[in-house]
Amino acid sequence: MTFSFFISSCAELPPSDLIVASVGDGSITKGEVEELASSLLPGLRSKKQGHAARLDYLQTLIDEQLLVREARAQGLDTTRSFVATYEKAISNRLIDIYRKRHLDPRVVVSEDEVRERFLKEGLDRERSLSRIVVKTEDEALDLRQRLVQGADFAALAKSHSLEKSIADRGGKTGFINKLWSIRLHIPNQLFDDLAAGEISQPLKSKDVYQLIRFTEERKADFTLYRQQVQSPIVREKTAIQKRALAEELAHEYVFV
């Protein structure tokens, strides 16, 4: 097996279809090197810069081709598991392409729809949250009793809360709306109904318990939550359009 480099000319010749290396009777283009570089997560990218980094990415592609060729030489590409996996990958890729061309364009979400959902679900309301997070329910009940009797919330948060970041701030978490309250395991009804300054009953949050208190309130900025509100609408409409498209295709391809 032989391979050769032509990467040195890459900087002067920009076309993406320029062949920069050959592996046996196969080749690697400048575009493939650039595609690999752009697809990698930051932690996987070369620590080098410029031409040296391109050489690293090229070497990765060369290594992959060498491994593929050796696997084929050993007949591994004809095993049942390989064929099944390969066919599955091809099917997934075809589905992805078809979806982008024919399904995604059918899913249209207007700005008015997103704003309507934002208001309808009460996501336009933000409340300033403070909380104390402890290990056991008994400790939470004891702290709640002390708070009801007049103990200082910030002081107890600093001395008892397990989350150092909020403990250092006296339990202050900041302004949240219902989207964030769900992530913090705060029920929607409690978010809506707990009066300002009132201490909640202990709330189970994974393997800990929390006491919460709301203070100030303000209107939420729609632009900060637009994407979070739009995403479930897109999922809902995609499911509807996917079913409709499947029914249309069934009439064309299914024969009983």
C-alpha atoms as a PDB file:
ATOM      1  CA  MET A   1       0.000   0.000   0.000  1.00  0.00           C
ATOM      2  CA  THR A   2       1.405   3.384  -0.974  1.00  0.00           C
ATOM      3  CA  PHE A   3       0.326   6.931  -0.414  1.00  0.00           C
ATOM      4  CA  SER A   4       1.699  10.352  -1.230  1.00  0.00           C
ATOM      5  CA  PHE A   5       1.237  13.972  -0.130  1.00  0.00           C
ATOM      6  CA  PHE A   6       0.506  17.005  -2.270  1.00  0.00           C
ATOM      7  CA  ILE A   7      -0.624  19.229   0.607  1.00  0.00           C
ATOM      8  CA  SER A   8       2.234  21.675   0.125  1.00  0.00           C
ATOM      9  CA  SER A   9       0.451  23.142  -2.868  1.00  0.00           C
ATOM     10  CA  CYS A  10      -2.819  23.466  -0.975  1.00  0.00           C
ATOM     11  CA  ALA A  11      -2.216  27.003   0.249  1.00  0.00           C
ATOM     12  CA  GLU A  12      -1.664  28.328  -3.265  1.00  0.00           C
ATOM     13  CA  LEU A  13      -4.430  26.373  -5.014  1.00  0.00           C
ATOM     14  CA  PRO A  14      -7.804  26.980  -3.352  1.00  0.00           C
ATOM     15  CA  PRO A  15     -10.258  24.730  -5.299  1.00  0.00           C
ATOM     16  CA  SER A  16     -11.980  22.280  -2.944  1.00  0.00           C
ATOM     17  CA  ASP A  17     -11.691  19.414  -5.452  1.00  0.00           C
ATOM     18  CA  LEU A  18      -7.894  19.709  -5.554  1.00  0.00           C
ATOM     19  CA  ILE A  19      -6.341  16.311  -4.742  1.00  0.00           C
ATOM     20  CA  VAL A  20      -3.928  16.780  -1.843  1.00  0.00           C
ATOM     21  CA  ALA A  21      -3.053  13.119  -1.142  1.00  0.00           C
ATOM     22  CA  SER A  22      -3.351   9.684  -2.730  1.00  0.00           C
ATOM     23  CA  VAL A  23      -3.836   6.414  -0.870  1.00  0.00           C
ATOM     24  CA  GLY A  24      -3.415   3.471  -3.222  1.00  0.00           C
ATOM     25  CA  ASP A  25      -5.866   4.129  -6.040  1.00  0.00           C
ATOM     26  CA  GLY A  26      -7.929   6.454  -3.859  1.00  0.00           C
ATOM     27  CA  SER A  27      -7.536  10.154  -3.248  1.00  0.00           C
ATOM     28  CA  ILE A  28      -8.261  12.849  -0.675  1.00  0.00           C
ATOM     29  CA  THR A  29      -9.285  16.349  -1.719  1.00  0.00           C
ATOM     30  CA  LYS A  30      -8.693  19.726  -0.126  1.00  0.00           C
ATOM     31  CA  GLY A  31     -12.450  19.998   0.400  1.00  0.00           C
ATOM     32  CA  GLU A  32     -12.495  16.767   2.433  1.00  0.00           C
ATOM     33  CA  VAL A  33      -9.733  18.096   4.673  1.00  0.00           C
ATOM     34  CA  GLU A  34     -11.641  21.339   5.210  1.00  0.00           C
ATOM     35  CA  GLU A  35     -14.887  19.464   5.894  1.00  0.00           C
ATOM     36  CA  LEU A  36     -13.195  17.328   8.537  1.00  0.00           C
ATOM     37  CA  ALA A  37     -11.686  20.403  10.198  1.00  0.00           C
ATOM     38  CA  SER A  38     -15.018  22.242  10.335  1.00  0.00           C
ATOM     39  CA  SER A  39     -16.933  19.224  11.668  1.00  0.00           C
ATOM     40  CA  LEU A  40     -14.692  18.570  14.672  1.00  0.00           C
ATOM     41  CA  LEU A  41     -15.652  19.750  18.141  1.00  0.00           C
ATOM     42  CA  PRO A  42     -13.204  22.311  19.622  1.00  0.00           C
ATOM     43  CA  GLY A  43     -11.590  19.753  21.930  1.00  0.00           C
ATOM     44  CA  LEU A  44     -10.779  17.452  19.001  1.00  0.00           C
ATOM     45  CA  ARG A  45      -9.178  20.046  16.754  1.00  0.00           C
ATOM     46  CA  SER A  46      -5.464  20.232  16.139  1.00  0.00           C
ATOM     47  CA  LYS A  47      -3.465  22.331  18.576  1.00  0.00           C
ATOM     48  CA  LYS A  48      -1.430  23.554  15.603  1.00  0.00           C
ATOM     49  CA  GLN A  49      -2.298  26.428  13.301  1.00  0.00           C
ATOM     50  CA  GLY A  50      -2.487  26.996   9.562  1.00  0.00           C
ATOM     51  CA  HIS A  51      -0.616  24.581   7.309  1.00  0.00           C
ATOM     52  CA  ALA A  52       0.549  22.401  10.208  1.00  0.00           C
ATOM     53  CA  ALA A  53      -3.060  21.912  11.338  1.00  0.00           C
ATOM     54  CA  ARG A  54      -4.126  20.959   7.803  1.00  0.00           C
ATOM     55  CA  LEU A  55      -1.415  18.302   7.755  1.00  0.00           C
ATOM     56  CA  ASP A  56      -2.832  16.836  10.980  1.00  0.00           C
ATOM     57  CA  TYR A  57      -6.337  16.637   9.499  1.00  0.00           C
ATOM     58  CA  LEU A  58      -4.966  15.157   6.280  1.00  0.00           C
ATOM     59  CA  GLN A  59      -3.105  12.499   8.256  1.00  0.00           C
ATOM     60  CA  THR A  60      -6.351  11.583  10.023  1.00  0.00           C
ATOM     61  CA  LEU A  61      -8.085  11.019   6.675  1.00  0.00           C
ATOM     62  CA  ILE A  62      -5.125   9.006   5.383  1.00  0.00           C
ATOM     63  CA  ASP A  63      -5.195   6.818   8.493  1.00  0.00           C
ATOM     64  CA  GLU A  64      -8.920   6.213   8.014  1.00  0.00           C
ATOM     65  CA  GLN A  65      -8.459   5.163   4.392  1.00  0.00           C
ATOM     66  CA  LEU A  66      -5.620   2.826   5.329  1.00  0.00           C
ATOM     67  CA  LEU A  67      -7.773   1.172   8.005  1.00  0.00           C
ATOM     68  CA  VAL A  68     -10.716   0.814   5.625  1.00  0.00           C
ATOM     69  CA  ARG A  69      -8.520  -0.728   2.943  1.00  0.00           C
ATOM     70  CA  GLU A  70      -6.976  -3.180   5.401  1.00  0.00           C
ATOM     71  CA  ALA A  71     -10.413  -4.157   6.704  1.00  0.00           C
ATOM     72  CA  ARG A  72     -11.571  -4.808   3.157  1.00  0.00           C
ATOM     73  CA  ALA A  73      -8.423  -6.802   2.419  1.00  0.00           C
ATOM     74  CA  GLN A  74      -9.366  -9.063   5.328  1.00  0.00           C
ATOM     75  CA  GLY A  75     -12.929  -9.406   4.071  1.00  0.00           C
ATOM     76  CA  LEU A  76     -14.438  -7.595   7.043  1.00  0.00           C
ATOM     77  CA  ASP A  77     -16.633  -5.478   4.775  1.00  0.00           C
ATOM     78  CA  THR A  78     -18.597  -8.579   3.789  1.00  0.00           C
ATOM     79  CA  THR A  79     -19.534  -9.684   7.316  1.00  0.00           C
ATOM     80  CA  ARG A  80     -23.214  -9.633   8.162  1.00  0.00           C
ATOM     81  CA  SER A  81     -22.850  -7.069  10.951  1.00  0.00           C
ATOM     82  CA  PHE A  82     -20.881  -4.704   8.728  1.00  0.00           C
ATOM     83  CA  VAL A  83     -23.383  -4.942   5.891  1.00  0.00           C
ATOM     84  CA  ALA A  84     -26.304  -4.346   8.257  1.00  0.00           C
ATOM     85  CA  THR A  85     -24.620  -1.354   9.874  1.00  0.00           C
ATOM     86  CA  TYR A  86     -23.630   0.095   6.508  1.00  0.00           C
ATOM     87  CA  GLU A  87     -27.128  -0.316   5.103  1.00  0.00           C
ATOM     88  CA  LYS A  88     -28.582   1.295   8.235  1.00  0.00           C
ATOM     89  CA  ALA A  89     -26.218   4.254   7.889  1.00  0.00           C
ATOM     90  CA  ILE A  90     -27.190   4.674   4.237  1.00  0.00           C
ATOM     91  CA  SER A  91     -30.891   4.492   5.128  1.00  0.00           C
ATOM     92  CA  ASN A  92     -30.496   7.107   7.856  1.00  0.00           C
ATOM     93  CA  ARG A  93     -28.628   9.395   5.478  1.00  0.00           C
ATOM     94  CA  LEU A  94     -31.302   9.043   2.794  1.00  0.00           C
ATOM     95  CA  ILE A  95     -34.043   9.730   5.322  1.00  0.00           C
ATOM     96  CA  ASP A  96     -32.170  12.799   6.527  1.00  0.00           C
ATOM     97  CA  ILE A  97     -31.802  14.143   2.983  1.00  0.00           C
ATOM     98  CA  TYR A  98     -35.447  13.423   2.123  1.00  0.00           C
ATOM     99  CA  ARG A  99     -36.635  15.048   5.333  1.00  0.00           C
ATOM    100  CA  LYS A 100     -34.659  18.237   4.687  1.00  0.00           C
ATOM    101  CA  ARG A 101     -35.978  18.467   1.129  1.00  0.00           C
ATOM    102  CA  HIS A 102     -39.603  17.420   1.569  1.00  0.00           C
ATOM    103  CA  LEU A 103     -40.630  17.466   5.250  1.00  0.00           C
ATOM    104  CA  ASP A 104     -38.886  20.457   6.802  1.00  0.00           C
ATOM    105  CA  PRO A 105     -40.301  22.960   4.252  1.00  0.00           C
ATOM    106  CA  ARG A 106     -43.819  21.913   5.313  1.00  0.00           C
ATOM    107  CA  VAL A 107     -43.174  22.905   8.925  1.00  0.00           C
ATOM    108  CA  VAL A 108     -43.840  26.639   9.138  1.00  0.00           C
ATOM    109  CA  VAL A 109     -44.019  28.482  12.457  1.00  0.00           C
ATOM    110  CA  SER A 110     -44.971  32.147  12.446  1.00  0.00           C
ATOM    111  CA  GLU A 111     -43.785  34.797  14.875  1.00  0.00           C
ATOM    112  CA  ASP A 112     -47.388  35.291  16.014  1.00  0.00           C
ATOM    113  CA  GLU A 113     -47.696  31.601  16.923  1.00  0.00           C
ATOM    114  CA  VAL A 114     -44.563  31.733  19.063  1.00  0.00           C
ATOM    115  CA  ARG A 115     -45.689  34.907  20.847  1.00  0.00           C
ATOM    116  CA  GLU A 116     -49.154  33.444  21.428  1.00  0.00           C
ATOM    117  CA  ARG A 117     -47.667  30.308  23.030  1.00  0.00           C
ATOM    118  CA  PHE A 118     -45.322  32.491  25.090  1.00  0.00           C
ATOM    119  CA  LEU A 119     -48.275  34.403  26.555  1.00  0.00           C
ATOM    120  CA  LYS A 120     -50.735  31.491  26.767  1.00  0.00           C
ATOM    121  CA  GLU A 121     -48.373  29.377  28.891  1.00  0.00           C
ATOM    122  CA  GLY A 122     -47.508  32.277  31.167  1.00  0.00           C
ATOM    123  CA  LEU A 123     -43.885  32.348  30.116  1.00  0.00           C
ATOM    124  CA  ASP A 124     -43.921  36.145  30.081  1.00  0.00           C
ATOM    125  CA  ARG A 125     -43.777  36.236  33.893  1.00  0.00           C
ATOM    126  CA  GLU A 126     -40.441  36.104  35.703  1.00  0.00           C
ATOM    127  CA  ARG A 127     -40.041  35.808  39.469  1.00  0.00           C
ATOM    128  CA  SER A 128     -36.911  36.380  41.544  1.00  0.00           C
ATOM    129  CA  LEU A 129     -36.053  33.063  43.206  1.00  0.00           C
ATOM    130  CA  SER A 130     -34.076  32.294  46.345  1.00  0.00           C
ATOM    131  CA  ARG A 131     -33.604  28.740  47.579  1.00  0.00           C
ATOM    132  CA  ILE A 132     -31.893  26.561  50.123  1.00  0.00           C
ATOM    133  CA  VAL A 133     -30.802  23.090  49.031  1.00  0.00           C
ATOM    134  CA  VAL A 134     -30.199  20.414  51.683  1.00  0.00           C
ATOM    135  CA  LYS A 135     -29.667  16.665  51.776  1.00  0.00           C
ATOM    136  CA  THR A 136     -32.669  15.432  53.771  1.00  0.00           C
ATOM    137  CA  GLU A 137     -36.351  16.267  54.110  1.00  0.00           C
ATOM    138  CA  ASP A 138     -36.028  16.466  57.906  1.00  0.00           C
ATOM    139  CA  GLU A 139     -33.365  19.171  57.604  1.00  0.00           C
ATOM    140  CA  ALA A 140     -35.548  21.045  55.119  1.00  0.00           C
ATOM    141  CA  LEU A 141     -38.526  20.884  57.490  1.00  0.00           C
ATOM    142  CA  ASP A 142     -36.395  22.123  60.387  1.00  0.00           C
ATOM    143  CA  LEU A 143     -35.067  25.059  58.355  1.00  0.00           C
ATOM    144  CA  ARG A 144     -38.557  25.932  57.129  1.00  0.00           C
ATOM    145  CA  GLN A 145     -39.820  26.071  60.699  1.00  0.00           C
ATOM    146  CA  ARG A 146     -37.010  28.425  61.631  1.00  0.00           C
ATOM    147  CA  LEU A 147     -37.727  30.613  58.606  1.00  0.00           C
ATOM    148  CA  VAL A 148     -41.436  30.787  59.409  1.00  0.00           C
ATOM    149  CA  GLN A 149     -40.484  31.874  62.918  1.00  0.00           C
ATOM    150  CA  GLY A 150     -38.449  34.755  61.519  1.00  0.00           C
ATOM    151  CA  ALA A 151     -34.942  33.432  60.849  1.00  0.00           C
ATOM    152  CA  ASP A 152     -32.971  35.224  58.127  1.00  0.00           C
ATOM    153  CA  PHE A 153     -33.206  33.384  54.789  1.00  0.00           C
ATOM    154  CA  ALA A 154     -29.839  34.568  53.471  1.00  0.00           C
ATOM    155  CA  ALA A 155     -28.031  33.574  56.663  1.00  0.00           C
ATOM    156  CA  LEU A 156     -29.495  30.054  56.663  1.00  0.00           C
ATOM    157  CA  ALA A 157     -28.727  29.663  52.967  1.00  0.00           C
ATOM    158  CA  LYS A 158     -25.084  30.614  53.532  1.00  0.00           C
ATOM    159  CA  SER A 159     -24.689  28.182  56.427  1.00  0.00           C
ATOM    160  CA  HIS A 160     -26.752  25.228  55.147  1.00  0.00           C
ATOM    161  CA  SER A 161     -27.268  25.225  51.365  1.00  0.00           C
ATOM    162  CA  LEU A 162     -25.354  22.514  49.526  1.00  0.00           C
ATOM    163  CA  GLU A 163     -24.945  24.579  46.356  1.00  0.00           C
ATOM    164  CA  LYS A 164     -21.993  26.834  47.058  1.00  0.00           C
ATOM    165  CA  SER A 165     -22.791  29.194  44.190  1.00  0.00           C
ATOM    166  CA  ILE A 166     -26.184  30.124  45.629  1.00  0.00           C
ATOM    167  CA  ALA A 167     -25.085  29.759  49.252  1.00  0.00           C
ATOM    168  CA  ASP A 168     -22.485  32.496  48.714  1.00  0.00           C
ATOM    169  CA  ARG A 169     -25.276  34.736  47.405  1.00  0.00           C
ATOM    170  CA  GLY A 170     -27.586  34.062  50.334  1.00  0.00           C
ATOM    171  CA  GLY A 171     -29.668  31.655  48.275  1.00  0.00           C
ATOM    172  CA  LYS A 172     -30.390  34.080  45.443  1.00  0.00           C
ATOM    173  CA  THR A 173     -30.774  32.217  42.152  1.00  0.00           C
ATOM    174  CA  GLY A 174     -32.062  35.105  40.046  1.00  0.00           C
ATOM    175  CA  PHE A 175     -35.115  35.727  37.885  1.00  0.00           C
ATOM    176  CA  ILE A 176     -36.721  32.656  36.320  1.00  0.00           C
ATOM    177  CA  ASN A 177     -39.869  31.903  34.362  1.00  0.00           C
ATOM    178  CA  LYS A 178     -41.770  28.621  34.066  1.00  0.00           C
ATOM    179  CA  LEU A 179     -39.280  27.120  31.629  1.00  0.00           C
ATOM    180  CA  TRP A 180     -36.516  27.450  34.213  1.00  0.00           C
ATOM    181  CA  SER A 181     -38.754  26.498  37.126  1.00  0.00           C
ATOM    182  CA  ILE A 182     -39.389  23.115  35.503  1.00  0.00           C
ATOM    183  CA  ARG A 183     -35.637  22.528  35.215  1.00  0.00           C
ATOM    184  CA  LEU A 184     -35.304  23.345  38.913  1.00  0.00           C
ATOM    185  CA  HIS A 185     -38.077  20.851  39.779  1.00  0.00           C
ATOM    186  CA  ILE A 186     -40.504  23.582  40.831  1.00  0.00           C
ATOM    187  CA  PRO A 187     -44.108  22.682  39.887  1.00  0.00           C
ATOM    188  CA  ASN A 188     -45.929  25.158  37.645  1.00  0.00           C
ATOM    189  CA  GLN A 189     -48.732  25.591  40.164  1.00  0.00           C
ATOM    190  CA  LEU A 190     -46.252  26.509  42.866  1.00  0.00           C
ATOM    191  CA  PHE A 191     -44.576  28.982  40.523  1.00  0.00           C
ATOM    192  CA  ASP A 192     -47.986  30.547  39.852  1.00  0.00           C
ATOM    193  CA  ASP A 193     -49.423  30.538  43.359  1.00  0.00           C
ATOM    194  CA  LEU A 194     -46.643  30.825  45.948  1.00  0.00           C
ATOM    195  CA  ALA A 195     -47.014  34.308  47.403  1.00  0.00           C
ATOM    196  CA  ALA A 196     -44.045  36.645  47.458  1.00  0.00           C
ATOM    197  CA  GLY A 197     -42.021  36.163  50.624  1.00  0.00           C
ATOM    198  CA  GLU A 198     -43.714  32.863  51.522  1.00  0.00           C
ATOM    199  CA  ILE A 199     -41.562  29.768  52.147  1.00  0.00           C
ATOM    200  CA  SER A 200     -42.481  26.620  50.246  1.00  0.00           C
ATOM    201  CA  GLN A 201     -42.799  23.176  51.711  1.00  0.00           C
ATOM    202  CA  PRO A 202     -39.728  20.979  51.042  1.00  0.00           C
ATOM    203  CA  LEU A 203     -39.492  20.099  47.341  1.00  0.00           C
ATOM    204  CA  LYS A 204     -37.786  16.900  46.206  1.00  0.00           C
ATOM    205  CA  SER A 205     -35.169  17.629  43.551  1.00  0.00           C
ATOM    206  CA  LYS A 206     -33.400  14.449  42.449  1.00  0.00           C
ATOM    207  CA  ASP A 207     -31.570  13.292  45.597  1.00  0.00           C
ATOM    208  CA  VAL A 208     -31.866  16.573  47.545  1.00  0.00           C
ATOM    209  CA  TYR A 209     -34.584  18.817  48.973  1.00  0.00           C
ATOM    210  CA  GLN A 210     -35.077  22.515  48.452  1.00  0.00           C
ATOM    211  CA  LEU A 211     -36.956  25.362  50.082  1.00  0.00           C
ATOM    212  CA  ILE A 212     -37.857  28.191  47.748  1.00  0.00           C
ATOM    213  CA  ARG A 213     -38.999  31.761  48.144  1.00  0.00           C
ATOM    214  CA  PHE A 214     -40.058  34.295  45.506  1.00  0.00           C
ATOM    215  CA  THR A 215     -39.595  38.027  45.986  1.00  0.00           C
ATOM    216  CA  GLU A 216     -39.645  40.457  43.040  1.00  0.00           C
ATOM    217  CA  GLU A 217     -41.542  39.979  39.782  1.00  0.00           C
ATOM    218  CA  ARG A 218     -41.139  41.362  36.262  1.00  0.00           C
ATOM    219  CA  LYS A 219     -42.156  40.818  32.636  1.00  0.00           C
ATOM    220  CA  ALA A 220     -39.941  38.401  30.729  1.00  0.00           C
ATOM    221  CA  ASP A 221     -38.138  39.500  27.570  1.00  0.00           C
ATOM    222  CA  PHE A 222     -39.658  37.493  24.713  1.00  0.00           C
ATOM    223  CA  THR A 223     -36.442  37.557  22.682  1.00  0.00           C
ATOM    224  CA  LEU A 224     -34.573  35.663  25.415  1.00  0.00           C
ATOM    225  CA  TYR A 225     -37.012  32.741  25.289  1.00  0.00           C
ATOM    226  CA  ARG A 226     -38.069  32.742  21.654  1.00  0.00           C
ATOM    227  CA  GLN A 227     -36.061  29.678  20.637  1.00  0.00           C
ATOM    228  CA  GLN A 228     -37.140  27.681  23.692  1.00  0.00           C
ATOM    229  CA  VAL A 229     -40.796  28.458  22.964  1.00  0.00           C
ATOM    230  CA  GLN A 230     -40.482  27.777  19.240  1.00  0.00           C
ATOM    231  CA  SER A 231     -38.767  24.368  19.555  1.00  0.00           C
ATOM    232  CA  PRO A 232     -41.764  22.417  20.962  1.00  0.00           C
ATOM    233  CA  ILE A 233     -44.059  24.026  18.378  1.00  0.00           C
ATOM    234  CA  VAL A 234     -41.703  22.836  15.628  1.00  0.00           C
ATOM    235  CA  ARG A 235     -41.664  19.316  17.111  1.00  0.00           C
ATOM    236  CA  GLU A 236     -45.454  19.220  17.287  1.00  0.00           C
ATOM    237  CA  LYS A 237     -45.894  20.437  13.715  1.00  0.00           C
ATOM    238  CA  THR A 238     -43.162  18.119  12.455  1.00  0.00           C
ATOM    239  CA  ALA A 239     -44.972  15.116  13.952  1.00  0.00           C
ATOM    240  CA  ILE A 240     -48.216  16.176  12.260  1.00  0.00           C
ATOM    241  CA  GLN A 241     -46.583  16.787   8.885  1.00  0.00           C
ATOM    242  CA  LYS A 242     -44.566  13.571   9.120  1.00  0.00           C
ATOM    243  CA  ARG A 243     -47.774  11.599   9.604  1.00  0.00           C
ATOM    244  CA  ALA A 244     -49.479  13.461   6.755  1.00  0.00           C
ATOM    245  CA  LEU A 245     -46.526  12.836   4.441  1.00  0.00           C
ATOM    246  CA  ALA A 246     -46.475   9.151   5.395  1.00  0.00           C
ATOM    247  CA  GLU A 247     -50.164   8.859   4.517  1.00  0.00           C
ATOM    248  CA  GLU A 248     -49.571  10.547   1.163  1.00  0.00           C
ATOM    249  CA  LEU A 249     -46.708   8.172   0.384  1.00  0.00           C
ATOM    250  CA  ALA A 250     -48.785   5.194   1.521  1.00  0.00           C
ATOM    251  CA  HIS A 251     -51.365   5.963  -1.166  1.00  0.00           C
ATOM    252  CA  GLU A 252     -48.594   5.969  -3.742  1.00  0.00           C
ATOM    253  CA  TYR A 253     -46.502   2.975  -2.676  1.00  0.00           C
ATOM    254  CA  VAL A 254     -48.625   0.646  -0.522  1.00  0.00           C
ATOM    255  CA  PHE A 255     -50.726  -1.863  -2.362  1.00  0.00           C
ATOM    256  CA  VAL A 256     -53.041  -4.314  -0.617  1.00  0.00           C
END
